Amino acid sequence: MTLDHICARLLISGKVQGVGFRIALRDQARQVGVVGWVRNTPDGCVEAHLEGGNAAVRRIISWCYGGPPQAKVERVQVQWQEPERTLTDFMIEYT
């Protein structure tokens, strides 16, 4: 992992489903050039994979601590990973 291109896997818990979290996260990520995906998990959390420039990824992580206005984020777990470098957009995954 280089400092100019980083990757983080997030698990966001709280009132984060049914409040537009995934759409808002996708829009935020696209605005700053972060690629990856976001999806709901069966246990009520939101999981996200973020890749991009150091400052941009960290900006999205910071945003996730608040989320959209209707969300009530209780916890954000961040796991740093090696970037895949194959993603070209930020998408919502539906499972």
PDB file of N, CA and C in Angstrom:
ATOM      1  N   MET A   1       0.860  -1.179   0.000  1.00  0.00           N
ATOM      2  CA  MET A   1       0.000   0.000   0.000  1.00  0.00           C
ATOM      3  C   MET A   1       0.899   1.232   0.000  1.00  0.00           C
ATOM      4  N   THR A   2       0.703   2.103  -0.973  1.00  0.00           N
ATOM      5  CA  THR A   2       1.451   3.351  -0.994  1.00  0.00           C
ATOM      6  C   THR A   2       0.612   4.450  -0.375  1.00  0.00           C
ATOM      7  N   LEU A   3       1.261   5.494   0.087  1.00  0.00           N
ATOM      8  CA  LEU A   3       0.537   6.574   0.750  1.00  0.00           C
ATOM      9  C   LEU A   3      -0.319   7.383  -0.207  1.00  0.00           C
ATOM     10  N   ASP A   4      -0.030   7.312  -1.515  1.00  0.00           N
ATOM     11  CA  ASP A   4      -0.833   8.087  -2.458  1.00  0.00           C
ATOM     12  C   ASP A   4      -2.065   7.322  -2.941  1.00  0.00           C
ATOM     13  N   HIS A   5      -2.112   6.035  -2.742  1.00  0.00           N
ATOM     14  CA  HIS A   5      -3.276   5.233  -3.131  1.00  0.00           C
ATOM     15  C   HIS A   5      -3.507   4.220  -2.021  1.00  0.00           C
ATOM     16  N   ILE A   6      -4.606   4.389  -1.291  1.00  0.00           N
ATOM     17  CA  ILE A   6      -4.863   3.535  -0.138  1.00  0.00           C
ATOM     18  C   ILE A   6      -6.208   2.838  -0.280  1.00  0.00           C
ATOM     19  N   CYS A   7      -6.421   1.859   0.576  1.00  0.00           N
ATOM     20  CA  CYS A   7      -7.646   1.072   0.540  1.00  0.00           C
ATOM     21  C   CYS A   7      -8.100   0.803   1.968  1.00  0.00           C
ATOM     22  N   ALA A   8      -9.389   0.974   2.205  1.00  0.00           N
ATOM     23  CA  ALA A   8      -9.960   0.694   3.516  1.00  0.00           C
ATOM     24  C   ALA A   8     -11.265  -0.059   3.355  1.00  0.00           C
ATOM     25  N   ARG A   9     -11.485  -1.032   4.237  1.00  0.00           N
ATOM     26  CA  ARG A   9     -12.751  -1.743   4.325  1.00  0.00           C
ATOM     27  C   ARG A   9     -13.427  -1.255   5.599  1.00  0.00           C
ATOM     28  N   LEU A  10     -14.675  -0.795   5.466  1.00  0.00           N
ATOM     29  CA  LEU A  10     -15.401  -0.233   6.602  1.00  0.00           C
ATOM     30  C   LEU A  10     -16.598  -1.093   6.959  1.00  0.00           C
ATOM     31  N   LEU A  11     -16.900  -1.153   8.245  1.00  0.00           N
ATOM     32  CA  LEU A  11     -18.133  -1.740   8.730  1.00  0.00           C
ATOM     33  C   LEU A  11     -18.765  -0.690   9.632  1.00  0.00           C
ATOM     34  N   ILE A  12     -19.914  -0.183   9.196  1.00  0.00           N
ATOM     35  CA  ILE A  12     -20.582   0.924   9.879  1.00  0.00           C
ATOM     36  C   ILE A  12     -21.839   0.382  10.541  1.00  0.00           C
ATOM     37  N   SER A  13     -21.978   0.609  11.846  1.00  0.00           N
ATOM     38  CA  SER A  13     -23.138   0.088  12.564  1.00  0.00           C
ATOM     39  C   SER A  13     -23.924   1.227  13.198  1.00  0.00           C
ATOM     40  N   GLY A  14     -25.161   0.916  13.537  1.00  0.00           N
ATOM     41  CA  GLY A  14     -26.097   1.884  14.087  1.00  0.00           C
ATOM     42  C   GLY A  14     -27.355   1.883  13.237  1.00  0.00           C
ATOM     43  N   LYS A  15     -28.038   3.016  13.214  1.00  0.00           N
ATOM     44  CA  LYS A  15     -29.199   3.155  12.324  1.00  0.00           C
ATOM     45  C   LYS A  15     -28.681   3.629  10.969  1.00  0.00           C
ATOM     46  N   VAL A  16     -28.255   2.653  10.159  1.00  0.00           N
ATOM     47  CA  VAL A  16     -27.598   2.975   8.891  1.00  0.00           C
ATOM     48  C   VAL A  16     -28.277   2.333   7.684  1.00  0.00           C
ATOM     49  N   GLN A  17     -29.294   1.513   7.911  1.00  0.00           N
ATOM     50  CA  GLN A  17     -30.060   0.956   6.796  1.00  0.00           C
ATOM     51  C   GLN A  17     -31.417   1.627   6.758  1.00  0.00           C
ATOM     52  N   GLY A  18     -31.907   1.881   5.538  1.00  0.00           N
ATOM     53  CA  GLY A  18     -33.209   2.510   5.364  1.00  0.00           C
ATOM     54  C   GLY A  18     -33.189   4.014   5.560  1.00  0.00           C
ATOM     55  N   VAL A  19     -31.994   4.605   5.541  1.00  0.00           N
ATOM     56  CA  VAL A  19     -31.867   6.055   5.758  1.00  0.00           C
ATOM     57  C   VAL A  19     -31.100   6.737   4.622  1.00  0.00           C
ATOM     58  N   GLY A  20     -30.883   6.012   3.521  1.00  0.00           N
ATOM     59  CA  GLY A  20     -30.170   6.587   2.377  1.00  0.00           C
ATOM     60  C   GLY A  20     -28.666   6.599   2.527  1.00  0.00           C
ATOM     61  N   PHE A  21     -28.131   5.785   3.437  1.00  0.00           N
ATOM     62  CA  PHE A  21     -26.685   5.791   3.697  1.00  0.00           C
ATOM     63  C   PHE A  21     -25.895   5.385   2.466  1.00  0.00           C
ATOM     64  N   ARG A  22     -26.305   4.292   1.811  1.00  0.00           N
ATOM     65  CA  ARG A  22     -25.540   3.803   0.653  1.00  0.00           C
ATOM     66  C   ARG A  22     -25.530   4.816  -0.483  1.00  0.00           C
ATOM     67  N   ILE A  23     -26.671   5.400  -0.770  1.00  0.00           N
ATOM     68  CA  ILE A  23     -26.738   6.393  -1.857  1.00  0.00           C
ATOM     69  C   ILE A  23     -25.886   7.605  -1.525  1.00  0.00           C
ATOM     70  N   ALA A  24     -25.995   8.080  -0.298  1.00  0.00           N
ATOM     71  CA  ALA A  24     -25.221   9.254   0.109  1.00  0.00           C
ATOM     72  C   ALA A  24     -23.720   8.959   0.090  1.00  0.00           C
ATOM     73  N   LEU A  25     -23.332   7.766   0.540  1.00  0.00           N
ATOM     74  CA  LEU A  25     -21.915   7.393   0.529  1.00  0.00           C
ATOM     75  C   LEU A  25     -21.394   7.309  -0.897  1.00  0.00           C
ATOM     76  N   ARG A  26     -22.175   6.696  -1.781  1.00  0.00           N
ATOM     77  CA  ARG A  26     -21.764   6.635  -3.192  1.00  0.00           C
ATOM     78  C   ARG A  26     -21.561   8.031  -3.762  1.00  0.00           C
ATOM     79  N   ASP A  27     -22.495   8.934  -3.493  1.00  0.00           N
ATOM     80  CA  ASP A  27     -22.388  10.296  -4.023  1.00  0.00           C
ATOM     81  C   ASP A  27     -21.170  11.014  -3.464  1.00  0.00           C
ATOM     82  N   GLN A  28     -20.919  10.863  -2.160  1.00  0.00           N
ATOM     83  CA  GLN A  28     -19.747  11.490  -1.531  1.00  0.00           C
ATOM     84  C   GLN A  28     -18.448  10.951  -2.139  1.00  0.00           C
ATOM     85  N   ALA A  29     -18.392   9.628  -2.303  1.00  0.00           N
ATOM     86  CA  ALA A  29     -17.185   9.005  -2.844  1.00  0.00           C
ATOM     87  C   ALA A  29     -16.921   9.462  -4.279  1.00  0.00           C
ATOM     88  N   ARG A  30     -17.953   9.494  -5.085  1.00  0.00           N
ATOM     89  CA  ARG A  30     -17.776   9.920  -6.474  1.00  0.00           C
ATOM     90  C   ARG A  30     -17.315  11.374  -6.562  1.00  0.00           C
ATOM     91  N   GLN A  31     -17.795  12.212  -5.662  1.00  0.00           N
ATOM     92  CA  GLN A  31     -17.401  13.632  -5.679  1.00  0.00           C
ATOM     93  C   GLN A  31     -15.909  13.818  -5.472  1.00  0.00           C
ATOM     94  N   VAL A  32     -15.280  12.939  -4.692  1.00  0.00           N
ATOM     95  CA  VAL A  32     -13.854  13.110  -4.392  1.00  0.00           C
ATOM     96  C   VAL A  32     -12.969  12.097  -5.124  1.00  0.00           C
ATOM     97  N   GLY A  33     -13.567  11.305  -6.024  1.00  0.00           N
ATOM     98  CA  GLY A  33     -12.785  10.389  -6.850  1.00  0.00           C
ATOM     99  C   GLY A  33     -12.393   9.081  -6.180  1.00  0.00           C
ATOM    100  N   VAL A  34     -13.140   8.670  -5.165  1.00  0.00           N
ATOM    101  CA  VAL A  34     -12.892   7.383  -4.516  1.00  0.00           C
ATOM    102  C   VAL A  34     -13.695   6.313  -5.250  1.00  0.00           C
ATOM    103  N   VAL A  35     -13.072   5.167  -5.506  1.00  0.00           N
ATOM    104  CA  VAL A  35     -13.746   4.040  -6.143  1.00  0.00           C
ATOM    105  C   VAL A  35     -13.985   2.951  -5.114  1.00  0.00           C
ATOM    106  N   GLY A  36     -14.895   2.031  -5.453  1.00  0.00           N
ATOM    107  CA  GLY A  36     -15.175   0.921  -4.551  1.00  0.00           C
ATOM    108  C   GLY A  36     -16.634   0.552  -4.583  1.00  0.00           C
ATOM    109  N   TRP A  37     -17.148   0.111  -3.435  1.00  0.00           N
ATOM    110  CA  TRP A  37     -18.548  -0.310  -3.359  1.00  0.00           C
ATOM    111  C   TRP A  37     -19.055  -0.159  -1.938  1.00  0.00           C
ATOM    112  N   VAL A  38     -20.381  -0.197  -1.819  1.00  0.00           N
ATOM    113  CA  VAL A  38     -21.055  -0.168  -0.513  1.00  0.00           C
ATOM    114  C   VAL A  38     -22.243  -1.113  -0.590  1.00  0.00           C
ATOM    115  N   ARG A  39     -22.530  -1.795   0.533  1.00  0.00           N
ATOM    116  CA  ARG A  39     -23.665  -2.717   0.567  1.00  0.00           C
ATOM    117  C   ARG A  39     -24.179  -2.852   1.997  1.00  0.00           C
ATOM    118  N   ASN A  40     -25.435  -3.255   2.103  1.00  0.00           N
ATOM    119  CA  ASN A  40     -26.015  -3.600   3.395  1.00  0.00           C
ATOM    120  C   ASN A  40     -25.554  -4.997   3.778  1.00  0.00           C
ATOM    121  N   THR A  41     -25.453  -5.243   5.073  1.00  0.00           N
ATOM    122  CA  THR A  41     -25.145  -6.581   5.557  1.00  0.00           C
ATOM    123  C   THR A  41     -26.399  -7.148   6.233  1.00  0.00           C
ATOM    124  N   PRO A  42     -26.516  -8.461   6.317  1.00  0.00           N
ATOM    125  CA  PRO A  42     -27.713  -9.062   6.921  1.00  0.00           C
ATOM    126  C   PRO A  42     -27.941  -8.652   8.379  1.00  0.00           C
ATOM    127  N   ASP A  43     -26.902  -8.262   9.089  1.00  0.00           N
ATOM    128  CA  ASP A  43     -27.035  -7.909  10.509  1.00  0.00           C
ATOM    129  C   ASP A  43     -27.360  -6.435  10.750  1.00  0.00           C
ATOM    130  N   GLY A  44     -27.693  -5.691   9.681  1.00  0.00           N
ATOM    131  CA  GLY A  44     -28.124  -4.303   9.841  1.00  0.00           C
ATOM    132  C   GLY A  44     -27.036  -3.262   9.710  1.00  0.00           C
ATOM    133  N   CYS A  45     -25.827  -3.690   9.375  1.00  0.00           N
ATOM    134  CA  CYS A  45     -24.713  -2.750   9.182  1.00  0.00           C
ATOM    135  C   CYS A  45     -24.597  -2.362   7.709  1.00  0.00           C
ATOM    136  N   VAL A  46     -23.690  -1.462   7.430  1.00  0.00           N
ATOM    137  CA  VAL A  46     -23.309  -1.115   6.063  1.00  0.00           C
ATOM    138  C   VAL A  46     -21.819  -1.404   5.948  1.00  0.00           C
ATOM    139  N   GLU A  47     -21.446  -2.103   4.883  1.00  0.00           N
ATOM    140  CA  GLU A  47     -20.046  -2.425   4.613  1.00  0.00           C
ATOM    141  C   GLU A  47     -19.615  -1.657   3.373  1.00  0.00           C
ATOM    142  N   ALA A  48     -18.391  -1.136   3.391  1.00  0.00           N
ATOM    143  CA  ALA A  48     -17.898  -0.381   2.246  1.00  0.00           C
ATOM    144  C   ALA A  48     -16.439  -0.709   1.977  1.00  0.00           C
ATOM    145  N   HIS A  49     -16.080  -0.655   0.715  1.00  0.00           N
ATOM    146  CA  HIS A  49     -14.703  -0.834   0.252  1.00  0.00           C
ATOM    147  C   HIS A  49     -14.328   0.465  -0.463  1.00  0.00           C
ATOM    148  N   LEU A  50     -13.298   1.141   0.037  1.00  0.00           N
ATOM    149  CA  LEU A  50     -12.892   2.440  -0.502  1.00  0.00           C
ATOM    150  C   LEU A  50     -11.463   2.361  -1.019  1.00  0.00           C
ATOM    151  N   GLU A  51     -11.232   2.887  -2.219  1.00  0.00           N
ATOM    152  CA  GLU A  51      -9.880   2.985  -2.765  1.00  0.00           C
ATOM    153  C   GLU A  51      -9.699   4.342  -3.411  1.00  0.00           C
ATOM    154  N   GLY A  52      -8.519   4.905  -3.224  1.00  0.00           N
ATOM    155  CA  GLY A  52      -8.221   6.173  -3.866  1.00  0.00           C
ATOM    156  C   GLY A  52      -7.080   6.882  -3.176  1.00  0.00           C
ATOM    157  N   GLY A  53      -6.968   8.155  -3.458  1.00  0.00           N
ATOM    158  CA  GLY A  53      -5.934   8.963  -2.846  1.00  0.00           C
ATOM    159  C   GLY A  53      -6.107   9.017  -1.333  1.00  0.00           C
ATOM    160  N   ASN A  54      -5.002   9.155  -0.646  1.00  0.00           N
ATOM    161  CA  ASN A  54      -4.985   9.164   0.814  1.00  0.00           C
ATOM    162  C   ASN A  54      -5.994  10.163   1.392  1.00  0.00           C
ATOM    163  N   ALA A  55      -5.911  11.405   0.983  1.00  0.00           N
ATOM    164  CA  ALA A  55      -6.786  12.445   1.544  1.00  0.00           C
ATOM    165  C   ALA A  55      -8.252  12.164   1.223  1.00  0.00           C
ATOM    166  N   ALA A  56      -8.529  11.700   0.009  1.00  0.00           N
ATOM    167  CA  ALA A  56      -9.916  11.454  -0.402  1.00  0.00           C
ATOM    168  C   ALA A  56     -10.527  10.298   0.389  1.00  0.00           C
ATOM    169  N   VAL A  57      -9.801   9.208   0.541  1.00  0.00           N
ATOM    170  CA  VAL A  57     -10.321   8.061   1.296  1.00  0.00           C
ATOM    171  C   VAL A  57     -10.549   8.454   2.753  1.00  0.00           C
ATOM    172  N   ARG A  58      -9.608   9.173   3.341  1.00  0.00           N
ATOM    173  CA  ARG A  58      -9.756   9.592   4.736  1.00  0.00           C
ATOM    174  C   ARG A  58     -10.929  10.561   4.904  1.00  0.00           C
ATOM    175  N   ARG A  59     -11.180  11.372   3.897  1.00  0.00           N
ATOM    176  CA  ARG A  59     -12.338  12.274   3.943  1.00  0.00           C
ATOM    177  C   ARG A  59     -13.641  11.477   3.972  1.00  0.00           C
ATOM    178  N   ILE A  60     -13.737  10.420   3.164  1.00  0.00           N
ATOM    179  CA  ILE A  60     -14.940   9.593   3.152  1.00  0.00           C
ATOM    180  C   ILE A  60     -15.090   8.845   4.476  1.00  0.00           C
ATOM    181  N   ILE A  61     -13.997   8.340   5.016  1.00  0.00           N
ATOM    182  CA  ILE A  61     -14.068   7.676   6.317  1.00  0.00           C
ATOM    183  C   ILE A  61     -14.606   8.645   7.366  1.00  0.00           C
ATOM    184  N   SER A  62     -14.112   9.861   7.385  1.00  0.00           N
ATOM    185  CA  SER A  62     -14.602  10.871   8.344  1.00  0.00           C
ATOM    186  C   SER A  62     -16.085  11.131   8.149  1.00  0.00           C
ATOM    187  N   TRP A  63     -16.522  11.224   6.903  1.00  0.00           N
ATOM    188  CA  TRP A  63     -17.947  11.442   6.611  1.00  0.00           C
ATOM    189  C   TRP A  63     -18.796  10.304   7.188  1.00  0.00           C
ATOM    190  N   CYS A  64     -18.284   9.066   7.121  1.00  0.00           N
ATOM    191  CA  CYS A  64     -19.043   7.903   7.584  1.00  0.00           C
ATOM    192  C   CYS A  64     -19.359   7.957   9.076  1.00  0.00           C
ATOM    193  N   TYR A  65     -18.606   8.690   9.854  1.00  0.00           N
ATOM    194  CA  TYR A  65     -18.887   8.794  11.285  1.00  0.00           C
ATOM    195  C   TYR A  65     -20.183   9.564  11.552  1.00  0.00           C
ATOM    196  N   GLY A  66     -20.640  10.344  10.575  1.00  0.00           N
ATOM    197  CA  GLY A  66     -21.906  11.057  10.702  1.00  0.00           C
ATOM    198  C   GLY A  66     -22.956  10.530   9.754  1.00  0.00           C
ATOM    199  N   GLY A  67     -22.545  10.291   8.503  1.00  0.00           N
ATOM    200  CA  GLY A  67     -23.467   9.788   7.492  1.00  0.00           C
ATOM    201  C   GLY A  67     -24.497  10.829   7.105  1.00  0.00           C
ATOM    202  N   PRO A  68     -25.556  10.398   6.416  1.00  0.00           N
ATOM    203  CA  PRO A  68     -26.617  11.323   6.026  1.00  0.00           C
ATOM    204  C   PRO A  68     -27.429  11.744   7.257  1.00  0.00           C
ATOM    205  N   PRO A  69     -28.240  12.793   7.123  1.00  0.00           N
ATOM    206  CA  PRO A  69     -28.948  13.346   8.292  1.00  0.00           C
ATOM    207  C   PRO A  69     -29.806  12.346   9.066  1.00  0.00           C
ATOM    208  N   GLN A  70     -30.421  11.370   8.402  1.00  0.00           N
ATOM    209  CA  GLN A  70     -31.313  10.433   9.086  1.00  0.00           C
ATOM    210  C   GLN A  70     -30.573   9.309   9.815  1.00  0.00           C
ATOM    211  N   ALA A  71     -29.287   9.149   9.544  1.00  0.00           N
ATOM    212  CA  ALA A  71     -28.512   8.057  10.139  1.00  0.00           C
ATOM    213  C   ALA A  71     -28.110   8.385  11.575  1.00  0.00           C
ATOM    214  N   LYS A  72     -27.911   7.327  12.352  1.00  0.00           N
ATOM    215  CA  LYS A  72     -27.355   7.444  13.704  1.00  0.00           C
ATOM    216  C   LYS A  72     -26.228   6.428  13.797  1.00  0.00           C
ATOM    217  N   VAL A  73     -25.043   6.874  13.429  1.00  0.00           N
ATOM    218  CA  VAL A  73     -23.879   5.984  13.403  1.00  0.00           C
ATOM    219  C   VAL A  73     -23.398   5.749  14.831  1.00  0.00           C
ATOM    220  N   GLU A  74     -23.252   4.480  15.180  1.00  0.00           N
ATOM    221  CA  GLU A  74     -22.745   4.110  16.495  1.00  0.00           C
ATOM    222  C   GLU A  74     -21.270   3.740  16.462  1.00  0.00           C
ATOM    223  N   ARG A  75     -20.839   3.129  15.348  1.00  0.00           N
ATOM    224  CA  ARG A  75     -19.456   2.655  15.275  1.00  0.00           C
ATOM    225  C   ARG A  75     -19.012   2.548  13.827  1.00  0.00           C
ATOM    226  N   VAL A  76     -17.761   2.898  13.588  1.00  0.00           N
ATOM    227  CA  VAL A  76     -17.136   2.703  12.283  1.00  0.00           C
ATOM    228  C   VAL A  76     -15.851   1.909  12.519  1.00  0.00           C
ATOM    229  N   GLN A  77     -15.813   0.695  11.973  1.00  0.00           N
ATOM    230  CA  GLN A  77     -14.613  -0.121  12.050  1.00  0.00           C
ATOM    231  C   GLN A  77     -13.865   0.034  10.728  1.00  0.00           C
ATOM    232  N   VAL A  78     -12.573   0.302  10.798  1.00  0.00           N
ATOM    233  CA  VAL A  78     -11.747   0.500   9.603  1.00  0.00           C
ATOM    234  C   VAL A  78     -10.663  -0.562   9.574  1.00  0.00           C
ATOM    235  N   GLN A  79     -10.583  -1.255   8.460  1.00  0.00           N
ATOM    236  CA  GLN A  79      -9.520  -2.237   8.243  1.00  0.00           C
ATOM    237  C   GLN A  79      -8.757  -1.810   6.994  1.00  0.00           C
ATOM    238  N   TRP A  80      -7.466  -1.562   7.150  1.00  0.00           N
ATOM    239  CA  TRP A  80      -6.631  -1.149   6.009  1.00  0.00           C
ATOM    240  C   TRP A  80      -6.203  -2.376   5.229  1.00  0.00           C
ATOM    241  N   GLN A  81      -6.268  -2.264   3.888  1.00  0.00           N
ATOM    242  CA  GLN A  81      -5.928  -3.383   3.008  1.00  0.00           C
ATOM    243  C   GLN A  81      -5.081  -2.887   1.850  1.00  0.00           C
ATOM    244  N   GLU A  82      -4.546  -3.836   1.120  1.00  0.00           N
ATOM    245  CA  GLU A  82      -3.861  -3.506  -0.125  1.00  0.00           C
ATOM    246  C   GLU A  82      -4.910  -3.150  -1.175  1.00  0.00           C
ATOM    247  N   PRO A  83      -4.726  -2.075  -1.927  1.00  0.00           N
ATOM    248  CA  PRO A  83      -5.684  -1.723  -2.982  1.00  0.00           C
ATOM    249  C   PRO A  83      -5.737  -2.791  -4.075  1.00  0.00           C
ATOM    250  N   GLU A  84      -6.936  -3.019  -4.596  1.00  0.00           N
ATOM    251  CA  GLU A  84      -7.105  -3.952  -5.717  1.00  0.00           C
ATOM    252  C   GLU A  84      -6.645  -3.310  -7.019  1.00  0.00           C
ATOM    253  N   ARG A  85      -6.875  -2.013  -7.134  1.00  0.00           N
ATOM    254  CA  ARG A  85      -6.504  -1.224  -8.315  1.00  0.00           C
ATOM    255  C   ARG A  85      -7.201  -1.683  -9.596  1.00  0.00           C
ATOM    256  N   THR A  86      -8.340  -2.359  -9.470  1.00  0.00           N
ATOM    257  CA  THR A  86      -9.080  -2.796 -10.650  1.00  0.00           C
ATOM    258  C   THR A  86     -10.427  -2.084 -10.756  1.00  0.00           C
ATOM    259  N   LEU A  87     -10.819  -1.375  -9.717  1.00  0.00           N
ATOM    260  CA  LEU A  87     -12.124  -0.712  -9.697  1.00  0.00           C
ATOM    261  C   LEU A  87     -12.043   0.630 -10.425  1.00  0.00           C
ATOM    262  N   THR A  88     -13.140   0.985 -11.087  1.00  0.00           N
ATOM    263  CA  THR A  88     -13.140   2.230 -11.859  1.00  0.00           C
ATOM    264  C   THR A  88     -14.258   3.187 -11.469  1.00  0.00           C
ATOM    265  N   ASP A  89     -15.142   2.765 -10.568  1.00  0.00           N
ATOM    266  CA  ASP A  89     -16.286   3.590 -10.166  1.00  0.00           C
ATOM    267  C   ASP A  89     -16.642   3.222  -8.736  1.00  0.00           C
ATOM    268  N   PHE A  90     -17.578   3.950  -8.152  1.00  0.00           N
ATOM    269  CA  PHE A  90     -18.096   3.595  -6.846  1.00  0.00           C
ATOM    270  C   PHE A  90     -19.544   3.157  -7.026  1.00  0.00           C
ATOM    271  N   MET A  91     -19.835   1.923  -6.626  1.00  0.00           N
ATOM    272  CA  MET A  91     -21.134   1.322  -6.900  1.00  0.00           C
ATOM    273  C   MET A  91     -21.820   0.868  -5.619  1.00  0.00           C
ATOM    274  N   ILE A  92     -23.140   0.796  -5.686  1.00  0.00           N
ATOM    275  CA  ILE A  92     -23.930   0.172  -4.640  1.00  0.00           C
ATOM    276  C   ILE A  92     -24.118  -1.285  -5.026  1.00  0.00           C
ATOM    277  N   GLU A  93     -23.753  -2.190  -4.136  1.00  0.00           N
ATOM    278  CA  GLU A  93     -23.964  -3.620  -4.376  1.00  0.00           C
ATOM    279  C   GLU A  93     -25.262  -4.038  -3.706  1.00  0.00           C
ATOM    280  N   TYR A  94     -26.058  -4.776  -4.406  1.00  0.00           N
ATOM    281  CA  TYR A  94     -27.322  -5.288  -3.872  1.00  0.00           C
ATOM    282  C   TYR A  94     -27.176  -6.805  -3.743  1.00  0.00           C
ATOM    283  N   THR A  95     -27.399  -7.313  -2.533  1.00  0.00           N
ATOM    284  CA  THR A  95     -27.235  -8.750  -2.325  1.00  0.00           C
ATOM    285  C   THR A  95     -28.552  -9.391  -1.967  1.00  0.00           C
TER     286      THR A  95
END
